[in-house]
Amino acid sequence: MDKQKKIIEMVAAVAGKPVTVAPDENLFDSGVLDSFALTDLVASIEKEFNILVPDGDLNPRKFSTIEKIEEYLDSRV
């Protein structure tokens, strides 16, 4: 499975509903996620991709789109 599909699955799991967003669509502006869901999403990302996201990176701008999440993951490898 490619990384974007996995990220979309994780976002859908955290949102509790199916997610059909463009890779560059803002997940917070579109109502898919809110600031409370961000910590759940980051916990899922840490577990799935075996990384540690520092507290300083818990910023909605870093995780606002599928593309930005993928870029963040690529920068952590």
C-alpha atoms as a PDB file:
ATOM      1  CA  MET A   1       0.000   0.000   0.000  1.00  0.00           C
ATOM      2  CA  ASP A   2       1.366   3.411  -0.828  1.00  0.00           C
ATOM      3  CA  LYS A   3       2.001   6.006   1.858  1.00  0.00           C
ATOM      4  CA  GLN A   4      -0.807   8.377   0.853  1.00  0.00           C
ATOM      5  CA  LYS A   5      -3.411   5.618   1.013  1.00  0.00           C
ATOM      6  CA  LYS A   6      -2.182   4.590   4.460  1.00  0.00           C
ATOM      7  CA  ILE A   7      -2.312   8.209   5.665  1.00  0.00           C
ATOM      8  CA  ILE A   8      -5.881   8.559   4.344  1.00  0.00           C
ATOM      9  CA  GLU A   9      -6.868   5.366   6.183  1.00  0.00           C
ATOM     10  CA  MET A  10      -5.393   6.709   9.413  1.00  0.00           C
ATOM     11  CA  VAL A  11      -7.139  10.079   8.987  1.00  0.00           C
ATOM     12  CA  ALA A  12     -10.443   8.266   8.360  1.00  0.00           C
ATOM     13  CA  ALA A  13      -9.950   6.128  11.472  1.00  0.00           C
ATOM     14  CA  VAL A  14      -9.279   9.194  13.621  1.00  0.00           C
ATOM     15  CA  ALA A  15     -12.150  11.145  12.029  1.00  0.00           C
ATOM     16  CA  GLY A  16     -14.509   8.210  12.477  1.00  0.00           C
ATOM     17  CA  LYS A  17     -15.846   8.544   8.952  1.00  0.00           C
ATOM     18  CA  PRO A  18     -14.810   7.885   5.361  1.00  0.00           C
ATOM     19  CA  VAL A  19     -12.464  10.518   3.991  1.00  0.00           C
ATOM     20  CA  THR A  20     -12.482  11.687   0.399  1.00  0.00           C
ATOM     21  CA  VAL A  21     -10.172  14.662   0.170  1.00  0.00           C
ATOM     22  CA  ALA A  22      -7.687  15.855  -2.387  1.00  0.00           C
ATOM     23  CA  PRO A  23      -4.058  15.403  -1.293  1.00  0.00           C
ATOM     24  CA  ASP A  24      -3.692  19.194  -0.973  1.00  0.00           C
ATOM     25  CA  GLU A  25      -7.044  19.850   0.748  1.00  0.00           C
ATOM     26  CA  ASN A  26      -6.813  21.252   4.277  1.00  0.00           C
ATOM     27  CA  LEU A  27      -8.105  18.597   6.680  1.00  0.00           C
ATOM     28  CA  PHE A  28      -8.909  21.150   9.380  1.00  0.00           C
ATOM     29  CA  ASP A  29     -10.651  23.717   7.165  1.00  0.00           C
ATOM     30  CA  SER A  30     -12.752  20.970   5.556  1.00  0.00           C
ATOM     31  CA  GLY A  31     -13.899  19.711   8.973  1.00  0.00           C
ATOM     32  CA  VAL A  32     -12.296  16.282   8.644  1.00  0.00           C
ATOM     33  CA  LEU A  33     -10.043  16.897  11.662  1.00  0.00           C
ATOM     34  CA  ASP A  34      -9.965  19.278  14.592  1.00  0.00           C
ATOM     35  CA  SER A  35      -7.211  20.167  17.032  1.00  0.00           C
ATOM     36  CA  PHE A  36      -8.285  17.392  19.407  1.00  0.00           C
ATOM     37  CA  ALA A  37      -7.997  14.793  16.641  1.00  0.00           C
ATOM     38  CA  LEU A  38      -4.468  15.949  15.821  1.00  0.00           C
ATOM     39  CA  THR A  39      -2.962  14.173  18.829  1.00  0.00           C
ATOM     40  CA  ASP A  40      -4.770  10.943  17.921  1.00  0.00           C
ATOM     41  CA  LEU A  41      -3.554  11.213  14.338  1.00  0.00           C
ATOM     42  CA  VAL A  42       0.030  11.840  15.430  1.00  0.00           C
ATOM     43  CA  ALA A  43      -0.122   8.851  17.797  1.00  0.00           C
ATOM     44  CA  SER A  44      -1.301   6.687  14.886  1.00  0.00           C
ATOM     45  CA  ILE A  45       1.466   8.042  12.659  1.00  0.00           C
ATOM     46  CA  GLU A  46       4.086   7.329  15.317  1.00  0.00           C
ATOM     47  CA  LYS A  47       2.895   3.759  15.722  1.00  0.00           C
ATOM     48  CA  GLU A  48       2.427   2.975  12.019  1.00  0.00           C
ATOM     49  CA  PHE A  49       5.663   4.513  10.776  1.00  0.00           C
ATOM     50  CA  ASN A  50       7.750   3.793  13.879  1.00  0.00           C
ATOM     51  CA  ILE A  51       8.801   7.402  14.437  1.00  0.00           C
ATOM     52  CA  LEU A  52       8.665   9.832  17.338  1.00  0.00           C
ATOM     53  CA  VAL A  53       7.037  13.187  16.674  1.00  0.00           C
ATOM     54  CA  PRO A  54       8.508  15.775  19.059  1.00  0.00           C
ATOM     55  CA  ASP A  55       6.064  17.971  20.972  1.00  0.00           C
ATOM     56  CA  GLY A  56       7.411  20.976  19.058  1.00  0.00           C
ATOM     57  CA  ASP A  57       6.097  19.435  15.839  1.00  0.00           C
ATOM     58  CA  LEU A  58       2.518  19.107  17.132  1.00  0.00           C
ATOM     59  CA  ASN A  59       1.352  21.933  14.941  1.00  0.00           C
ATOM     60  CA  PRO A  60      -1.742  21.686  12.734  1.00  0.00           C
ATOM     61  CA  ARG A  61       0.122  23.384   9.875  1.00  0.00           C
ATOM     62  CA  LYS A  62       2.545  20.436   9.662  1.00  0.00           C
ATOM     63  CA  PHE A  63      -0.346  17.959   9.385  1.00  0.00           C
ATOM     64  CA  SER A  64      -2.963  20.030   7.552  1.00  0.00           C
ATOM     65  CA  THR A  65      -3.041  18.040   4.286  1.00  0.00           C
ATOM     66  CA  ILE A  66      -2.285  14.522   3.153  1.00  0.00           C
ATOM     67  CA  GLU A  67       0.642  15.938   1.152  1.00  0.00           C
ATOM     68  CA  LYS A  68       2.087  17.753   4.173  1.00  0.00           C
ATOM     69  CA  ILE A  69       1.818  14.631   6.319  1.00  0.00           C
ATOM     70  CA  GLU A  70       3.612  12.648   3.618  1.00  0.00           C
ATOM     71  CA  GLU A  71       6.325  15.331   3.346  1.00  0.00           C
ATOM     72  CA  TYR A  72       6.738  15.297   7.116  1.00  0.00           C
ATOM     73  CA  LEU A  73       7.146  11.532   7.125  1.00  0.00           C
ATOM     74  CA  ASP A  74       9.682  11.722   4.298  1.00  0.00           C
ATOM     75  CA  SER A  75      11.693  14.265   6.284  1.00  0.00           C
ATOM     76  CA  ARG A  76      11.765  11.968   9.341  1.00  0.00           C
ATOM     77  CA  VAL A  77      13.279   8.966   7.561  1.00  0.00           C
END
